[in-house]
Protein backbone atom coordinates (compact mmCIF):
# COMPACT_ATOMS: atom_id res chain seq x y z
CA MET A 1 -36.75 -7.63 -21.81
CA PRO A 2 -33.11 -7.12 -20.81
CA PRO A 3 -31.43 -10.08 -19.13
CA LYS A 4 -31.42 -10.17 -15.35
CA ARG A 5 -28.22 -9.32 -13.55
CA ASP A 6 -26.71 -11.41 -10.78
CA ALA A 7 -27.22 -10.23 -7.22
CA ASP A 8 -23.51 -9.41 -6.97
CA ASP A 9 -23.88 -6.96 -9.89
CA GLN A 10 -26.82 -5.06 -8.42
CA GLY A 11 -26.05 -1.47 -7.44
CA GLY A 12 -23.18 -0.85 -9.88
CA GLY A 13 -19.46 -1.14 -9.44
CA ALA A 14 -19.46 -0.42 -5.72
CA ASN A 15 -20.77 -3.89 -4.94
CA LYS A 16 -18.71 -5.82 -7.44
CA LYS A 17 -16.39 -8.41 -6.01
CA SER A 18 -12.85 -7.06 -5.78
CA ARG A 19 -9.73 -9.10 -6.12
CA LEU A 20 -7.46 -9.22 -3.07
CA GLN A 21 -3.99 -7.98 -3.96
CA GLN A 22 -0.76 -7.98 -2.03
CA LYS A 23 2.38 -5.92 -2.54
CA THR A 24 5.88 -7.05 -1.72
CA ALA A 25 8.19 -4.92 0.42
CA ALA A 26 10.16 -4.07 -2.73
CA GLU A 27 7.05 -2.85 -4.55
CA PHE A 28 5.98 -0.77 -1.55
CA PHE A 29 9.29 1.06 -1.25
CA ALA A 30 9.56 1.51 -5.01
CA GLU A 31 6.19 3.28 -4.96
CA ASN A 32 7.05 5.20 -1.78
CA LYS A 33 10.75 5.79 -2.30
CA HIS A 34 10.52 9.19 -0.61
CA PHE A 35 10.28 7.33 2.71
CA ALA A 36 13.97 6.44 2.29
CA GLY A 37 15.14 9.82 0.95
CA PHE A 38 14.75 9.07 -2.78
CA GLU A 39 12.13 11.70 -3.61
CA SER A 40 13.94 13.38 -6.55
CA PRO A 41 16.79 12.49 -8.93
CA GLY A 42 19.22 14.84 -7.17
CA LYS A 43 18.30 13.68 -3.69
CA SER A 44 18.37 10.04 -4.83
CA LEU A 45 21.95 10.40 -6.07
CA TYR A 46 23.02 12.10 -2.83
CA THR A 47 21.27 9.47 -0.68
CA SER A 48 22.84 6.66 -2.73
CA ILE A 49 26.31 8.03 -1.98
CA ARG A 50 25.51 8.26 1.72
CA GLU A 51 24.08 4.75 1.96
CA LEU A 52 27.06 3.09 0.28
CA VAL A 53 29.62 5.15 2.23
CA GLU A 54 28.04 4.27 5.57
CA ASN A 55 27.85 0.60 4.63
CA SER A 56 31.59 0.77 3.91
CA LEU A 57 32.30 2.32 7.30
CA ASP A 58 30.29 -0.38 9.07
CA ALA A 59 32.11 -3.11 7.15
CA ALA A 60 35.53 -1.86 8.27
CA GLU A 61 34.52 -1.08 11.84
CA SER A 62 32.97 -4.53 12.30
CA ILE A 63 36.44 -6.14 12.10
CA GLY A 64 38.34 -3.35 13.86
CA VAL A 65 40.09 -2.06 10.71
CA LEU A 66 40.72 1.64 10.12
CA PRO A 67 38.26 2.47 7.29
CA GLU A 68 39.37 3.58 3.85
CA VAL A 69 36.50 4.63 1.61
CA HIS A 70 36.91 5.68 -2.01
CA ILE A 71 34.05 7.22 -4.03
CA LEU A 72 34.19 7.55 -7.80
CA LEU A 73 31.34 9.46 -9.44
CA GLU A 74 31.41 9.62 -13.23
CA GLU A 75 29.02 11.86 -15.13
CA ILE A 76 27.30 10.38 -18.20
CA SER A 77 25.29 12.81 -20.31
CA GLN A 78 22.11 11.65 -21.99
CA LYS A 79 23.90 11.73 -25.34
CA SER A 80 26.73 9.53 -24.03
CA TYR A 81 24.27 7.25 -22.26
CA ARG A 82 22.38 6.67 -25.51
CA GLN A 83 25.57 5.97 -27.39
CA ILE A 84 26.82 3.51 -24.78
CA HIS A 85 23.58 1.55 -24.87
CA ASN A 86 23.01 1.74 -28.64
CA MET A 87 20.00 4.02 -28.49
CA ASP A 88 18.93 6.53 -31.17
CA THR A 89 20.37 4.44 -33.96
CA GLU A 90 18.10 6.25 -36.43
CA SER A 91 19.94 9.43 -37.47
CA VAL A 92 16.82 11.21 -38.74
CA LYS A 93 13.78 11.95 -36.58
CA LYS A 94 10.76 11.03 -38.67
CA ASP A 95 8.07 12.78 -36.62
CA LYS A 96 9.60 15.86 -34.97
CA ASP A 97 6.30 16.83 -33.33
CA LEU A 98 6.72 13.85 -31.00
CA TYR A 99 9.91 15.27 -29.49
CA LYS A 100 10.28 17.76 -26.67
CA GLN A 101 10.91 21.33 -27.65
CA GLY A 102 14.61 22.07 -27.51
CA ALA A 103 15.66 18.41 -27.83
CA GLU A 104 19.11 18.13 -29.35
CA ALA A 105 19.10 16.98 -32.96
CA PRO A 106 21.84 14.91 -34.59
CA GLU A 107 24.51 16.99 -36.30
CA ASN A 108 23.76 15.71 -39.81
CA GLU A 109 20.08 16.53 -39.37
CA ALA A 110 20.45 20.28 -38.79
CA THR A 111 19.80 22.54 -41.77
CA GLU A 112 19.93 26.27 -42.43
CA GLY A 113 16.14 26.44 -42.17
CA ASP A 114 16.28 24.68 -38.80
CA ALA A 115 18.81 27.24 -37.55
CA LYS A 116 16.55 30.15 -38.52
CA ALA A 117 13.57 28.48 -36.93
CA ALA A 118 15.54 27.92 -33.74
CA LYS A 119 16.32 31.64 -33.48
CA ALA A 120 12.65 32.54 -33.92
CA ALA A 121 11.38 29.87 -31.53
CA PRO A 122 11.03 30.61 -27.80
CA LYS A 123 13.76 29.38 -25.50
CA ALA A 124 13.45 25.78 -24.37
CA LYS A 125 12.45 25.03 -20.81
CA LYS A 126 15.05 24.18 -18.23
CA ILE A 127 15.93 20.54 -17.77
CA SER A 128 13.31 18.81 -15.64
CA SER A 129 13.59 15.76 -13.43
CA LYS A 130 12.59 13.64 -16.43
CA ASP A 131 15.67 14.90 -18.31
CA MET A 132 18.16 13.88 -15.62
CA ILE A 133 21.80 13.14 -16.26
CA PHE A 134 23.18 9.69 -15.48
CA TYR A 135 26.06 8.80 -13.19
CA ARG A 136 28.22 5.75 -12.61
CA LEU A 137 28.79 5.51 -8.85
CA THR A 138 31.56 3.24 -7.51
CA VAL A 139 32.28 2.91 -3.78
CA THR A 140 35.25 0.81 -2.63
CA ASP A 141 36.27 -0.06 0.94
CA ASN A 142 38.71 -2.20 2.92
CA GLY A 143 36.06 -3.77 5.14
CA CYS A 144 35.18 -7.33 6.06
CA GLY A 145 33.83 -8.32 2.66
CA MET A 146 30.74 -10.44 2.14
CA LYS A 147 30.13 -14.16 1.99
CA HIS A 148 29.81 -15.51 -1.53
CA ASP A 149 26.44 -17.20 -1.07
CA GLU A 150 24.85 -14.32 0.87
CA ILE A 151 25.56 -11.44 -1.52
CA PRO A 152 22.50 -11.89 -3.79
CA LYS A 153 20.09 -11.88 -0.88
CA MET A 154 21.90 -9.05 0.92
CA PHE A 155 21.35 -6.76 -2.07
CA GLY A 156 18.35 -8.28 -3.81
CA THR A 157 15.83 -8.78 -0.99
CA VAL A 158 14.32 -5.72 0.70
CA LEU A 159 14.29 -5.87 4.52
CA SER A 160 16.97 -8.55 4.71
CA GLY A 161 20.06 -7.51 6.63
CA THR A 162 22.63 -8.25 9.29
CA LYS A 163 21.80 -5.37 11.66
CA TYR A 164 18.54 -6.49 13.22
CA GLY A 165 18.84 -6.22 16.97
CA VAL A 166 18.95 -3.64 19.73
CA ARG A 167 22.25 -1.82 19.32
CA GLN A 168 23.55 1.57 18.24
CA GLU A 169 24.35 1.38 14.54
CA ARG A 170 24.08 3.52 11.42
CA GLY A 171 21.44 1.29 9.84
CA LYS A 172 19.04 -1.38 10.97
CA PHE A 173 16.34 -2.35 8.50
CA GLY A 174 18.37 -3.69 5.56
CA LEU A 175 16.97 -1.01 3.26
CA GLY A 176 19.76 1.37 2.19
CA SER A 177 21.67 -0.56 -0.47
CA LYS A 178 18.43 -2.12 -1.74
CA MET A 179 16.97 1.35 -2.29
CA VAL A 180 20.04 2.20 -4.38
CA LEU A 181 19.34 -0.90 -6.46
CA ILE A 182 15.64 -0.02 -6.73
CA TRP A 183 16.53 3.51 -7.89
CA SER A 184 18.93 2.02 -10.42
CA LYS A 185 16.16 -0.21 -11.75
CA MET A 186 13.73 2.71 -11.97
CA SER A 187 16.10 5.28 -13.51
CA THR A 188 18.31 3.20 -15.83
CA GLY A 189 17.27 -0.45 -15.62
CA LEU A 190 20.92 -1.45 -15.37
CA PRO A 191 22.17 -4.08 -12.88
CA MET A 192 24.44 -3.45 -9.92
CA ALA A 193 27.97 -4.84 -10.07
CA ILE A 194 29.54 -6.12 -6.84
CA ARG A 195 33.06 -7.32 -6.07
CA SER A 196 33.95 -8.60 -2.62
CA SER A 197 36.59 -10.62 -0.81
CA GLU A 198 36.74 -11.69 2.83
CA GLY A 199 40.54 -11.76 2.98
CA SER A 200 43.82 -11.75 1.10
CA THR A 201 43.81 -15.56 0.89
CA ARG A 202 40.15 -15.77 -0.15
CA PRO A 203 38.81 -15.54 -3.71
CA VAL A 204 37.01 -12.48 -5.07
CA THR A 205 33.30 -12.84 -5.65
CA GLU A 206 31.89 -11.03 -8.67
CA VAL A 207 28.15 -10.49 -8.89
CA GLU A 208 25.82 -8.65 -11.24
CA LEU A 209 22.19 -8.47 -10.22
CA SER A 210 18.99 -6.49 -10.25
CA LEU A 211 15.91 -6.70 -8.05
CA ASP A 212 12.59 -8.27 -9.04
CA LEU A 213 10.07 -5.95 -7.42
CA HIS A 214 7.15 -8.36 -7.78
CA THR A 215 8.83 -11.22 -5.93
CA ASN A 216 11.25 -9.19 -3.76
CA SER A 217 14.10 -11.42 -4.89
CA PRO A 218 17.32 -10.93 -6.86
CA ASN A 219 17.67 -11.43 -10.60
CA ILE A 220 21.22 -12.78 -10.85
CA PHE A 221 23.14 -12.30 -14.10
CA LYS A 222 26.59 -13.20 -12.77
CA HIS A 223 27.74 -14.93 -9.58
CA THR A 224 31.28 -16.29 -9.77
CA LYS A 225 34.57 -16.54 -7.90
CA VAL A 226 37.89 -15.38 -9.36
CA ASP A 227 41.47 -15.53 -8.09
CA ASN A 228 42.46 -12.79 -5.67
CA GLU A 229 45.75 -11.91 -7.34
CA SER A 230 46.09 -8.53 -5.63
CA LYS A 231 45.49 -10.02 -2.13
CA TRP A 232 42.63 -7.59 -1.64
CA ARG A 233 40.03 -7.55 1.13
CA GLY A 234 36.91 -5.44 1.02
CA SER A 235 33.95 -4.65 -1.20
CA GLN A 236 33.28 -2.58 -4.30
CA ILE A 237 29.78 -1.55 -5.39
CA ARG A 238 29.20 -0.08 -8.84
CA VAL A 239 25.84 1.17 -10.06
CA THR A 240 24.60 3.43 -12.85
CA ILE A 241 21.75 5.69 -11.74
CA GLY A 242 19.91 8.82 -12.74
CA GLY A 243 20.55 12.01 -10.84
CA GLU A 244 21.28 15.70 -10.82
CA PHE A 245 24.58 16.45 -9.08
CA SER A 246 24.95 20.21 -9.54
CA LYS A 247 22.31 21.06 -6.96
CA PHE A 248 23.56 18.48 -4.47
CA LYS A 249 27.31 18.94 -4.89
CA ARG A 250 27.41 21.23 -1.85
CA TYR A 251 25.51 18.70 0.29
CA THR A 252 27.82 15.86 -0.77
CA VAL A 253 30.98 17.86 -0.04
CA ASN A 254 29.61 18.94 3.34
CA TYR A 255 28.57 15.37 4.16
CA LEU A 256 32.07 14.01 3.55
CA ARG A 257 33.56 16.84 5.60
CA GLU A 258 31.21 16.11 8.50
CA MET A 259 31.91 12.36 8.29
CA ALA A 260 35.65 13.12 8.45
CA VAL A 261 35.04 15.12 11.62
CA ILE A 262 32.96 12.51 13.45
CA THR A 263 35.08 9.56 12.24
CA PRO A 264 38.65 10.93 12.39
CA TYR A 265 40.02 7.39 12.16
CA ALA A 266 38.63 6.99 8.62
CA ARG A 267 40.08 8.07 5.29
CA PHE A 268 37.68 9.44 2.66
CA GLU A 269 38.56 10.10 -0.96
CA MET A 270 36.23 11.18 -3.74
CA HIS A 271 36.85 11.67 -7.46
CA TYR A 272 34.18 13.39 -9.51
CA VAL A 273 34.70 12.96 -13.25
CA ALA A 274 32.59 15.30 -15.37
CA GLU A 275 32.30 15.17 -19.13
CA ASP A 276 33.57 18.75 -19.05
CA SER A 277 36.96 18.14 -17.41
CA SER A 278 37.02 21.67 -15.97
CA LYS A 279 34.17 20.67 -13.65
CA SER A 280 35.90 17.54 -12.31
CA PHE A 281 37.30 17.64 -8.78
CA HIS A 282 39.05 15.56 -6.15
CA ILE A 283 38.46 15.50 -2.38
CA LEU A 284 40.69 13.83 0.21
CA HIS A 285 40.06 13.73 3.96
CA ALA A 286 43.12 12.08 5.45
CA ARG A 287 42.98 9.96 8.60
CA ARG A 288 43.70 12.07 11.70
CA SER A 289 43.60 9.36 14.36
CA GLU A 290 44.63 5.72 14.69
CA CYS A 291 42.25 5.12 17.59
CA MET A 292 38.86 3.50 16.90
CA PRO A 293 35.95 3.29 19.35
CA PRO A 294 34.95 -0.21 20.45
CA PRO A 295 32.24 -1.82 18.29
CA PRO A 296 28.67 -1.54 19.58
CA SER A 297 27.39 -4.50 21.53
CA LYS A 298 23.90 -5.91 21.40
CA ALA A 299 21.70 -4.56 24.18
CA LYS A 300 19.10 -6.48 26.12
CA VAL A 301 15.44 -5.50 26.04
CA HIS A 302 14.32 -3.45 29.03
CA PRO A 303 11.23 -4.94 30.76
CA ALA A 304 9.39 -1.62 30.36
CA ALA A 305 9.61 -2.03 26.57
CA LEU A 306 7.91 -5.44 26.53
CA ASP A 307 4.57 -6.08 24.87
CA ASN A 308 2.84 -9.29 23.81
CA SER A 309 4.61 -9.45 20.48
CA VAL A 310 8.11 -8.67 21.80
CA LEU A 311 7.87 -11.11 24.71
CA ASP A 312 6.44 -13.88 22.52
CA ASN A 313 9.25 -13.32 19.99
CA LEU A 314 11.96 -13.36 22.70
CA ILE A 315 10.65 -16.58 24.23
CA GLY A 316 10.35 -18.23 20.82
CA ARG A 317 13.96 -17.43 19.88
CA THR A 318 15.75 -17.64 23.21
CA GLN A 319 18.65 -20.01 23.77
CA TYR A 320 17.72 -20.37 27.45
CA LYS A 321 15.74 -23.45 28.46
CA THR A 322 14.05 -22.32 31.70
CA LEU A 323 11.99 -19.28 32.65
CA PHE A 324 14.49 -18.26 35.36
CA ASN A 325 17.45 -18.26 32.96
CA PHE A 326 15.36 -16.47 30.34
CA LEU A 327 14.44 -13.59 32.63
CA LYS A 328 17.97 -12.96 33.90
CA GLY A 329 19.60 -13.64 30.54
CA GLU A 330 17.34 -11.81 28.07
CA LEU A 331 16.02 -8.82 30.04
CA ASP A 332 17.99 -5.76 31.01
CA THR A 333 18.37 -4.78 34.70
CA VAL A 334 16.98 -8.19 35.84
CA THR A 335 19.38 -9.80 38.33
CA PRO A 336 19.11 -13.47 39.44
CA ASP A 337 17.50 -12.43 42.73
CA PHE A 338 15.02 -10.15 40.95
CA ALA A 339 14.16 -12.93 38.49
CA ARG A 340 13.30 -15.29 41.35
CA ARG A 341 11.06 -12.65 42.95
CA MET A 342 9.32 -12.03 39.59
CA ILE A 343 8.54 -15.72 39.09
CA ASP A 344 7.20 -16.06 42.62
CA GLU A 345 4.90 -13.11 41.93
CA PHE A 346 3.65 -14.42 38.56
CA GLY A 347 1.49 -17.07 40.22
CA SER A 348 1.35 -20.72 41.18
CA GLU A 349 1.42 -22.02 37.60
CA PHE A 350 4.91 -20.59 37.13
CA SER A 351 8.14 -22.07 38.49
CA HIS A 352 11.84 -21.29 38.31
CA ASP A 353 12.56 -24.34 36.17
CA MET A 354 9.48 -23.94 33.94
CA PRO A 355 10.53 -24.79 30.34
CA CYS A 356 10.34 -21.82 27.96
CA SER A 357 8.89 -24.16 25.35
CA SER A 358 5.79 -24.66 27.54
CA ILE A 359 4.98 -20.96 27.84
CA ASN A 360 1.82 -20.15 25.85
CA GLY A 361 -0.18 -17.02 25.05
CA SER A 362 -2.10 -17.16 28.33
CA HIS A 363 1.15 -17.31 30.30
CA ILE A 364 2.56 -14.35 28.36
CA ARG A 365 -0.49 -12.19 29.09
CA LYS A 366 -0.29 -13.00 32.81
CA MET A 367 3.45 -12.27 32.90
CA LEU A 368 2.99 -8.92 31.14
CA ASP A 369 0.18 -7.93 33.48
CA LYS A 370 2.52 -8.38 36.45
CA ILE A 371 5.58 -6.91 34.73
CA SER A 372 3.66 -3.72 33.93
CA GLN A 373 3.13 -3.27 37.69
CA PHE A 374 6.75 -3.96 38.71
CA GLU A 375 9.28 -1.18 39.20
CA PHE A 376 12.60 -1.62 37.39
CA ASP A 377 15.84 0.32 37.41
CA ALA A 378 16.27 2.65 34.45
């Protein structure tokens, strides 16, 4: 007789115990990169340019400096890429059937018979997304620079950032530059190189890192300080990524033109260096204004936007000690007089000098129930 199976094995694979798995934020966005505009090699290159340019603008605007952004995009063909990284060291392909039809053969491998066969063979297919060209993207700015100790986490941890809060900004979730690094890891496997200085009298930090998707943490290959001999302030990001620029050249040119229109106080310069020098070009959008808008300020949360999670989070992080000061200090449109009236309406267990540290889940639910019935100014 066959051996008996355990009860857990009865009924086939549907009832087998499954192992609980968890993905990091980095793994999730690597698998769903289209959420951030990285759905194809061409779009990924275009989005990478945008993300780094807008980070540069934010860095300059944050300290009230007229932005200067320089973009250098250098084309690297697959042949050059292989040479740079010591690939294809074997000059002769041993098993030609393994290779894609139309793949370029080394010069010393071609023979007269191969030439005749090439003429008789059908034309090779157009280059697909798997045959993308590579590009070295370098974006330099004159912004605030980054703190030496914070750079690895700023670039190597998905969903870490300095823009969390309620305010009008270009970015918020700490995702843009990390997605560039994720795309670099996926398309070339090469690290990102970062140079940054917080001022002319401060040293220059040099960092080379990649992102460990499984732990959502940076792999740091270099993290040092060097003398700032040129008295430079700003940041420079350099990354080698896969892409396809020809189809997105028009979008990139239009994007820089539009950015020059909406930020007339900024200077944008782009150099595109192609392996065929006739295809290289240079773009310059000069600064047309010396006047910058004031930086955005952090906004308070409107009472109508409160829910259990938001209110609990605000109370847990507030700097105010009492309920009265919390209401008038953290919530928009709530004046001191209105805060007093709110507390009186909450019930007998609430008082003006009630410590925020004593507010529990039951208190929060009762407060929200009343707040949802109050009428606030828009």
